[in-house]
N, C-alpha and C. Protein backbone atom coordinates (compact mmCIF):
# COMPACT_ATOMS: atom_id res chain seq x y z
N UNK A 1 -7.74 6.49 -2.51
CA UNK A 1 -7.99 5.96 -1.19
C UNK A 1 -9.20 5.01 -1.22
N UNK A 2 -10.20 5.40 -1.97
CA UNK A 2 -11.39 4.57 -2.09
C UNK A 2 -11.06 3.21 -2.71
N UNK A 3 -10.17 3.22 -3.71
CA UNK A 3 -9.76 1.97 -4.34
C UNK A 3 -9.08 1.06 -3.32
N UNK A 4 -8.18 1.61 -2.52
CA UNK A 4 -7.45 0.82 -1.53
C UNK A 4 -8.38 0.23 -0.48
N UNK A 5 -9.33 1.02 -0.02
CA UNK A 5 -10.28 0.54 0.98
C UNK A 5 -11.17 -0.55 0.38
N UNK A 6 -11.62 -0.33 -0.85
CA UNK A 6 -12.45 -1.34 -1.52
C UNK A 6 -11.68 -2.64 -1.71
N UNK A 7 -10.43 -2.53 -2.10
CA UNK A 7 -9.61 -3.73 -2.30
C UNK A 7 -9.42 -4.47 -0.98
N UNK A 8 -9.22 -3.72 0.10
CA UNK A 8 -9.06 -4.36 1.41
C UNK A 8 -10.33 -5.10 1.81
N UNK A 9 -11.48 -4.52 1.52
CA UNK A 9 -12.75 -5.20 1.81
C UNK A 9 -12.85 -6.52 1.05
N UNK A 10 -12.52 -6.49 -0.23
CA UNK A 10 -12.57 -7.71 -1.04
C UNK A 10 -11.54 -8.71 -0.53
N UNK A 11 -10.34 -8.23 -0.25
CA UNK A 11 -9.28 -9.14 0.18
C UNK A 11 -9.60 -9.80 1.52
N UNK A 12 -10.19 -9.07 2.44
CA UNK A 12 -10.47 -9.64 3.76
C UNK A 12 -11.71 -10.54 3.74
N UNK A 13 -12.77 -10.08 3.10
CA UNK A 13 -14.03 -10.82 3.18
C UNK A 13 -14.25 -11.84 2.05
N UNK A 14 -13.62 -11.66 0.90
CA UNK A 14 -13.85 -12.56 -0.23
C UNK A 14 -12.69 -13.52 -0.45
N UNK A 15 -11.48 -12.98 -0.51
CA UNK A 15 -10.30 -13.81 -0.75
C UNK A 15 -9.83 -14.35 0.60
N UNK A 16 -10.21 -15.56 0.90
CA UNK A 16 -9.90 -16.14 2.21
C UNK A 16 -8.43 -16.53 2.35
N UNK A 17 -7.83 -17.04 1.29
CA UNK A 17 -6.46 -17.52 1.35
C UNK A 17 -5.67 -16.90 0.20
N UNK A 18 -4.84 -15.91 0.52
CA UNK A 18 -4.09 -15.23 -0.53
C UNK A 18 -2.90 -16.04 -1.03
N UNK A 19 -2.61 -17.17 -0.40
CA UNK A 19 -1.52 -18.02 -0.90
C UNK A 19 -1.99 -18.86 -2.07
N UNK A 20 -3.29 -19.14 -2.15
CA UNK A 20 -3.88 -19.98 -3.20
C UNK A 20 -3.13 -21.31 -3.33
N UNK A 21 -2.58 -21.78 -2.23
CA UNK A 21 -1.89 -23.06 -2.21
C UNK A 21 -0.46 -23.03 -2.74
N UNK A 22 0.03 -21.85 -3.10
CA UNK A 22 1.40 -21.73 -3.61
C UNK A 22 2.38 -21.46 -2.47
N UNK A 23 3.63 -21.76 -2.72
CA UNK A 23 4.69 -21.48 -1.76
C UNK A 23 5.21 -20.07 -1.98
N UNK A 24 5.73 -19.43 -0.91
CA UNK A 24 6.29 -18.09 -1.08
C UNK A 24 7.53 -18.12 -1.97
N UNK A 25 7.82 -16.99 -2.60
CA UNK A 25 8.93 -16.93 -3.55
C UNK A 25 10.10 -16.11 -3.01
N UNK A 26 10.04 -14.82 -3.14
CA UNK A 26 11.14 -13.95 -2.75
C UNK A 26 11.27 -13.87 -1.24
N UNK A 27 12.43 -14.21 -0.73
CA UNK A 27 12.74 -14.13 0.70
C UNK A 27 11.73 -14.88 1.55
N UNK A 28 11.05 -15.83 0.96
CA UNK A 28 10.00 -16.62 1.63
C UNK A 28 8.89 -15.74 2.18
N UNK A 29 8.67 -14.59 1.58
CA UNK A 29 7.64 -13.65 2.04
C UNK A 29 6.63 -13.29 0.96
N UNK A 30 7.01 -13.35 -0.29
CA UNK A 30 6.16 -12.86 -1.37
C UNK A 30 5.56 -14.05 -2.13
N UNK A 31 4.24 -14.06 -2.16
CA UNK A 31 3.50 -15.11 -2.87
C UNK A 31 3.16 -14.63 -4.28
N UNK A 32 2.87 -15.53 -5.21
CA UNK A 32 2.47 -15.10 -6.56
C UNK A 32 1.29 -14.13 -6.55
N UNK A 33 0.39 -14.26 -5.58
CA UNK A 33 -0.75 -13.35 -5.45
C UNK A 33 -0.29 -11.89 -5.35
N UNK A 34 0.81 -11.67 -4.66
CA UNK A 34 1.29 -10.31 -4.46
C UNK A 34 1.74 -9.65 -5.76
N UNK A 35 2.22 -10.45 -6.72
CA UNK A 35 2.57 -9.89 -8.02
C UNK A 35 1.31 -9.43 -8.76
N UNK A 36 0.26 -10.22 -8.68
CA UNK A 36 -1.01 -9.83 -9.30
C UNK A 36 -1.57 -8.59 -8.61
N UNK A 37 -1.49 -8.56 -7.30
CA UNK A 37 -1.96 -7.41 -6.53
C UNK A 37 -1.15 -6.16 -6.90
N UNK A 38 0.16 -6.31 -7.06
CA UNK A 38 1.01 -5.18 -7.45
C UNK A 38 0.62 -4.66 -8.82
N UNK A 39 0.30 -5.55 -9.74
CA UNK A 39 -0.13 -5.13 -11.08
C UNK A 39 -1.44 -4.35 -11.01
N UNK A 40 -2.38 -4.82 -10.22
CA UNK A 40 -3.67 -4.13 -10.08
C UNK A 40 -3.46 -2.75 -9.47
N UNK A 41 -2.67 -2.67 -8.41
CA UNK A 41 -2.41 -1.38 -7.77
C UNK A 41 -1.61 -0.46 -8.68
N UNK A 42 -0.65 -1.00 -9.41
CA UNK A 42 0.13 -0.19 -10.35
C UNK A 42 -0.74 0.40 -11.44
N UNK A 43 -1.64 -0.41 -12.00
CA UNK A 43 -2.55 0.09 -13.03
C UNK A 43 -3.51 1.14 -12.46
N UNK A 44 -3.99 0.92 -11.25
CA UNK A 44 -4.89 1.90 -10.62
C UNK A 44 -4.15 3.21 -10.36
N UNK A 45 -2.92 3.12 -9.88
CA UNK A 45 -2.13 4.33 -9.62
C UNK A 45 -1.84 5.07 -10.92
N UNK A 46 -1.50 4.33 -11.97
CA UNK A 46 -1.23 4.94 -13.27
C UNK A 46 -2.50 5.60 -13.83
N UNK A 47 -3.63 4.92 -13.70
CA UNK A 47 -4.89 5.49 -14.16
C UNK A 47 -5.25 6.75 -13.40
N UNK A 48 -5.03 6.74 -12.10
CA UNK A 48 -5.28 7.93 -11.28
C UNK A 48 -4.37 9.07 -11.69
N UNK A 49 -3.11 8.76 -11.93
CA UNK A 49 -2.15 9.78 -12.34
C UNK A 49 -2.53 10.37 -13.70
N UNK A 50 -2.86 9.53 -14.65
CA UNK A 50 -3.22 10.02 -15.99
C UNK A 50 -4.50 10.84 -15.96
N UNK A 51 -5.40 10.50 -15.07
CA UNK A 51 -6.66 11.23 -14.97
C UNK A 51 -6.52 12.59 -14.31
N UNK A 52 -5.47 12.78 -13.53
CA UNK A 52 -5.31 14.02 -12.77
C UNK A 52 -4.19 14.92 -13.25
N UNK A 53 -3.11 14.33 -13.73
CA UNK A 53 -1.90 15.09 -14.03
C UNK A 53 -1.44 14.75 -15.43
N UNK A 54 -0.93 15.74 -16.13
CA UNK A 54 -0.36 15.46 -17.46
C UNK A 54 1.16 15.58 -17.37
N UNK A 55 1.81 14.44 -17.15
CA UNK A 55 3.27 14.40 -17.11
C UNK A 55 3.71 13.71 -18.39
N UNK A 56 4.59 14.36 -19.12
CA UNK A 56 4.93 13.86 -20.45
C UNK A 56 6.13 12.92 -20.46
N UNK A 57 7.01 12.98 -19.50
CA UNK A 57 8.20 12.12 -19.54
C UNK A 57 8.00 10.89 -18.66
N UNK A 58 8.77 9.86 -18.96
CA UNK A 58 8.57 8.56 -18.33
C UNK A 58 9.05 8.52 -16.88
N UNK A 59 10.23 9.07 -16.60
CA UNK A 59 10.80 8.97 -15.26
C UNK A 59 9.93 9.67 -14.22
N UNK A 60 9.52 10.93 -14.42
CA UNK A 60 8.62 11.54 -13.43
C UNK A 60 7.31 10.79 -13.27
N UNK A 61 6.80 10.26 -14.37
CA UNK A 61 5.56 9.47 -14.28
C UNK A 61 5.76 8.24 -13.43
N UNK A 62 6.87 7.54 -13.64
CA UNK A 62 7.16 6.34 -12.87
C UNK A 62 7.32 6.67 -11.39
N UNK A 63 7.98 7.77 -11.08
CA UNK A 63 8.18 8.17 -9.68
C UNK A 63 6.84 8.51 -9.03
N UNK A 64 5.99 9.24 -9.76
CA UNK A 64 4.66 9.58 -9.22
C UNK A 64 3.81 8.33 -9.02
N UNK A 65 3.84 7.40 -9.97
CA UNK A 65 3.09 6.15 -9.84
C UNK A 65 3.62 5.36 -8.64
N UNK A 66 4.92 5.35 -8.44
CA UNK A 66 5.51 4.64 -7.29
C UNK A 66 5.04 5.26 -5.97
N UNK A 67 4.98 6.58 -5.92
CA UNK A 67 4.50 7.24 -4.70
C UNK A 67 3.04 6.91 -4.44
N UNK A 68 2.21 6.97 -5.47
CA UNK A 68 0.80 6.60 -5.31
C UNK A 68 0.66 5.14 -4.92
N UNK A 69 1.43 4.28 -5.57
CA UNK A 69 1.41 2.84 -5.31
C UNK A 69 1.73 2.55 -3.84
N UNK A 70 2.79 3.15 -3.32
CA UNK A 70 3.17 2.87 -1.93
C UNK A 70 2.12 3.40 -0.95
N UNK A 71 1.56 4.55 -1.23
CA UNK A 71 0.51 5.09 -0.36
C UNK A 71 -0.74 4.23 -0.41
N UNK A 72 -1.09 3.79 -1.61
CA UNK A 72 -2.27 2.93 -1.75
C UNK A 72 -2.09 1.61 -1.01
N UNK A 73 -0.89 1.04 -1.08
CA UNK A 73 -0.63 -0.21 -0.37
C UNK A 73 -0.71 -0.02 1.14
N UNK A 74 -0.18 1.09 1.64
CA UNK A 74 -0.24 1.34 3.08
C UNK A 74 -1.69 1.48 3.55
N UNK A 75 -2.50 2.20 2.78
CA UNK A 75 -3.92 2.36 3.14
C UNK A 75 -4.63 1.01 3.08
N UNK A 76 -4.38 0.23 2.05
CA UNK A 76 -5.01 -1.08 1.92
C UNK A 76 -4.61 -2.00 3.06
N UNK A 77 -3.34 -2.03 3.37
CA UNK A 77 -2.83 -2.91 4.42
C UNK A 77 -3.43 -2.54 5.77
N UNK A 78 -3.41 -1.25 6.10
CA UNK A 78 -3.96 -0.81 7.38
C UNK A 78 -5.47 -1.05 7.44
N UNK A 79 -6.18 -0.84 6.33
CA UNK A 79 -7.62 -1.09 6.29
C UNK A 79 -7.91 -2.56 6.54
N UNK A 80 -7.12 -3.47 5.94
CA UNK A 80 -7.30 -4.91 6.13
C UNK A 80 -7.19 -5.25 7.62
N UNK A 81 -6.18 -4.73 8.27
CA UNK A 81 -6.00 -5.04 9.69
C UNK A 81 -7.07 -4.36 10.56
N UNK A 82 -7.53 -3.19 10.15
CA UNK A 82 -8.61 -2.52 10.87
C UNK A 82 -9.90 -3.33 10.76
N UNK A 83 -10.17 -3.87 9.57
CA UNK A 83 -11.35 -4.73 9.41
C UNK A 83 -11.24 -5.95 10.31
N UNK A 84 -10.06 -6.53 10.40
CA UNK A 84 -9.87 -7.70 11.26
C UNK A 84 -10.11 -7.34 12.72
N UNK A 85 -9.75 -6.12 13.12
CA UNK A 85 -9.91 -5.71 14.51
C UNK A 85 -11.34 -5.28 14.82
N UNK A 86 -11.99 -4.60 13.89
CA UNK A 86 -13.29 -4.00 14.16
C UNK A 86 -14.46 -4.89 13.73
N UNK A 87 -14.35 -5.49 12.55
CA UNK A 87 -15.45 -6.31 12.02
C UNK A 87 -14.89 -7.64 11.51
N UNK A 88 -14.39 -8.47 12.42
CA UNK A 88 -13.72 -9.71 11.99
C UNK A 88 -14.68 -10.74 11.42
N UNK A 89 -14.11 -11.59 10.57
CA UNK A 89 -14.88 -12.71 10.03
C UNK A 89 -14.95 -13.81 11.07
N UNK A 90 -16.00 -14.60 10.99
CA UNK A 90 -16.13 -15.75 11.89
C UNK A 90 -15.00 -16.74 11.59
N UNK A 91 -14.33 -17.17 12.61
CA UNK A 91 -13.26 -18.14 12.45
C UNK A 91 -11.87 -17.53 12.31
N UNK A 92 -11.76 -16.21 12.28
CA UNK A 92 -10.45 -15.57 12.20
C UNK A 92 -9.77 -15.71 13.56
N UNK A 93 -8.63 -16.39 13.60
CA UNK A 93 -7.96 -16.65 14.88
C UNK A 93 -7.39 -15.39 15.50
N UNK A 94 -7.17 -14.35 14.71
CA UNK A 94 -6.65 -13.08 15.24
C UNK A 94 -7.73 -12.00 15.29
N UNK A 95 -8.98 -12.40 15.33
CA UNK A 95 -10.09 -11.45 15.35
C UNK A 95 -9.94 -10.48 16.52
N UNK A 96 -10.24 -9.22 16.25
CA UNK A 96 -10.19 -8.20 17.29
C UNK A 96 -8.81 -7.61 17.52
N UNK A 97 -7.82 -8.03 16.75
CA UNK A 97 -6.46 -7.53 16.94
C UNK A 97 -6.01 -6.75 15.71
N UNK A 98 -5.29 -5.66 15.97
CA UNK A 98 -4.68 -4.93 14.87
C UNK A 98 -3.39 -5.66 14.49
N UNK A 99 -2.46 -4.97 13.90
CA UNK A 99 -1.21 -5.59 13.45
C UNK A 99 -0.40 -6.04 14.66
N UNK A 100 0.03 -7.28 14.61
CA UNK A 100 0.84 -7.83 15.69
C UNK A 100 2.27 -8.00 15.20
N UNK A 101 3.21 -7.80 16.10
CA UNK A 101 4.61 -7.97 15.75
C UNK A 101 4.84 -9.39 15.24
N UNK A 102 5.57 -9.52 14.16
CA UNK A 102 5.85 -10.82 13.57
C UNK A 102 4.92 -11.21 12.45
N UNK A 103 3.86 -10.42 12.21
CA UNK A 103 2.97 -10.73 11.09
C UNK A 103 3.66 -10.39 9.78
N UNK A 104 3.10 -10.90 8.70
CA UNK A 104 3.71 -10.78 7.38
C UNK A 104 4.12 -9.35 7.05
N UNK A 105 3.26 -8.39 7.30
CA UNK A 105 3.52 -7.01 6.91
C UNK A 105 4.67 -6.38 7.69
N UNK A 106 5.00 -6.93 8.86
CA UNK A 106 6.09 -6.38 9.67
C UNK A 106 7.42 -7.06 9.39
N UNK A 107 7.43 -8.10 8.59
CA UNK A 107 8.66 -8.87 8.40
C UNK A 107 9.62 -8.27 7.39
N UNK A 108 9.16 -7.41 6.50
CA UNK A 108 10.05 -6.82 5.51
C UNK A 108 11.07 -5.88 6.15
N UNK A 109 10.59 -4.92 6.89
CA UNK A 109 11.46 -3.89 7.44
C UNK A 109 11.32 -3.74 8.94
N UNK A 110 10.64 -4.66 9.58
CA UNK A 110 10.45 -4.56 11.01
C UNK A 110 9.27 -3.67 11.34
N UNK A 111 9.12 -3.39 12.62
CA UNK A 111 7.99 -2.57 13.05
C UNK A 111 8.33 -1.84 14.34
N UNK A 112 7.52 -0.83 14.62
CA UNK A 112 7.61 -0.09 15.87
C UNK A 112 6.47 -0.57 16.74
N UNK A 113 6.78 -1.01 17.94
CA UNK A 113 5.73 -1.48 18.84
C UNK A 113 5.05 -0.30 19.50
N UNK A 114 3.76 -0.21 19.29
CA UNK A 114 2.94 0.78 19.96
C UNK A 114 2.24 0.08 21.12
N UNK A 115 1.46 0.78 21.87
CA UNK A 115 0.81 0.20 23.04
C UNK A 115 -0.10 -0.96 22.68
N UNK A 116 -0.86 -0.82 21.62
CA UNK A 116 -1.87 -1.82 21.27
C UNK A 116 -1.62 -2.50 19.93
N UNK A 117 -0.58 -2.10 19.23
CA UNK A 117 -0.33 -2.64 17.89
C UNK A 117 1.14 -2.50 17.53
N UNK A 118 1.50 -3.05 16.41
CA UNK A 118 2.82 -2.86 15.83
C UNK A 118 2.63 -2.07 14.53
N UNK A 119 3.42 -1.04 14.35
CA UNK A 119 3.31 -0.22 13.14
C UNK A 119 4.48 -0.59 12.23
N UNK A 120 4.19 -1.16 11.06
CA UNK A 120 5.28 -1.55 10.15
C UNK A 120 6.12 -0.34 9.73
N UNK A 121 7.42 -0.52 9.71
CA UNK A 121 8.33 0.57 9.33
C UNK A 121 8.12 1.03 7.89
N UNK A 122 7.65 0.13 7.04
CA UNK A 122 7.45 0.54 5.65
C UNK A 122 6.31 1.55 5.52
N UNK A 123 5.40 1.63 6.50
CA UNK A 123 4.37 2.67 6.49
C UNK A 123 5.04 4.05 6.55
N UNK A 124 6.01 4.19 7.45
CA UNK A 124 6.72 5.46 7.60
C UNK A 124 7.48 5.81 6.32
N UNK A 125 8.16 4.82 5.76
CA UNK A 125 8.91 5.03 4.52
C UNK A 125 7.98 5.45 3.39
N UNK A 126 6.81 4.84 3.32
CA UNK A 126 5.83 5.18 2.29
C UNK A 126 5.37 6.62 2.42
N UNK A 127 5.08 7.05 3.63
CA UNK A 127 4.62 8.42 3.86
C UNK A 127 5.71 9.42 3.50
N UNK A 128 6.94 9.15 3.92
CA UNK A 128 8.06 10.05 3.63
C UNK A 128 8.30 10.12 2.12
N UNK A 129 8.33 8.97 1.46
CA UNK A 129 8.55 8.94 0.01
C UNK A 129 7.46 9.72 -0.72
N UNK A 130 6.22 9.48 -0.38
CA UNK A 130 5.11 10.17 -1.04
C UNK A 130 5.17 11.67 -0.79
N UNK A 131 5.50 12.07 0.43
CA UNK A 131 5.59 13.49 0.76
C UNK A 131 6.72 14.16 -0.03
N UNK A 132 7.87 13.50 -0.12
CA UNK A 132 8.99 14.05 -0.88
C UNK A 132 8.64 14.19 -2.36
N UNK A 133 7.99 13.20 -2.91
CA UNK A 133 7.59 13.26 -4.32
C UNK A 133 6.60 14.40 -4.54
N UNK A 134 5.63 14.54 -3.65
CA UNK A 134 4.64 15.62 -3.80
C UNK A 134 5.30 16.98 -3.68
N UNK A 135 6.20 17.14 -2.70
CA UNK A 135 6.88 18.43 -2.53
C UNK A 135 7.74 18.76 -3.75
N UNK A 136 8.46 17.79 -4.26
CA UNK A 136 9.31 18.01 -5.43
C UNK A 136 8.46 18.35 -6.66
N UNK A 137 7.40 17.61 -6.86
CA UNK A 137 6.52 17.86 -8.00
C UNK A 137 5.87 19.23 -7.90
N UNK A 138 5.40 19.57 -6.72
CA UNK A 138 4.75 20.87 -6.51
C UNK A 138 5.75 21.99 -6.75
N UNK A 139 6.99 21.83 -6.27
CA UNK A 139 8.02 22.85 -6.46
C UNK A 139 8.31 23.04 -7.95
N UNK A 140 8.39 21.94 -8.70
CA UNK A 140 8.65 22.02 -10.14
C UNK A 140 7.48 22.70 -10.86
N UNK A 141 6.26 22.42 -10.44
CA UNK A 141 5.10 23.05 -11.07
C UNK A 141 5.09 24.55 -10.78
N UNK A 142 5.40 24.93 -9.54
CA UNK A 142 5.43 26.35 -9.18
C UNK A 142 6.56 27.08 -9.91
N UNK A 143 7.70 26.41 -10.07
CA UNK A 143 8.82 27.02 -10.80
C UNK A 143 8.45 27.21 -12.27
N UNK A 144 7.74 26.26 -12.85
CA UNK A 144 7.32 26.38 -14.25
C UNK A 144 6.33 27.52 -14.43
N UNK A 145 5.45 27.69 -13.46
CA UNK A 145 4.47 28.78 -13.52
C UNK A 145 5.17 30.13 -13.37
N UNK A 146 6.17 30.20 -12.48
CA UNK A 146 6.88 31.45 -12.23
C UNK A 146 7.69 31.91 -13.44
N UNK A 147 8.19 30.98 -14.23
CA UNK A 147 9.01 31.35 -15.39
C UNK A 147 8.17 31.73 -16.60
N UNK A 148 6.88 31.47 -16.56
CA UNK A 148 6.04 31.82 -17.71
C UNK A 148 5.41 33.17 -17.56
């Protein structure tokens, strides 16, 4: 969580333009920057997993890294928008606003309109996926302990 919050701070206050002058690629939504960001988050998730859990096979490791990755992205994304709402940079045209319907993060899977913000649907999917992975992993660990 600390990594995601730190990355959001750097992304909001240091990296002013995440497009870096490039055109979007996939579905006109994904910029080359996002591939680099995915690599950084993937490595951080893998490092966190290796530091905490000893999983020997590739598929469970990949699933756990994916769950960490999606949770880390959701925390980073929400932190970025919270910074924009609470401590905006000078010149930010959307200063003081949380996630608005139609913004980049809501365009993948849509969003749920709340009273003061829009909540991207992928946040919900990320939470459900991470919870299912944790429950499955925990159940397998408990079953392994019970058989020994």
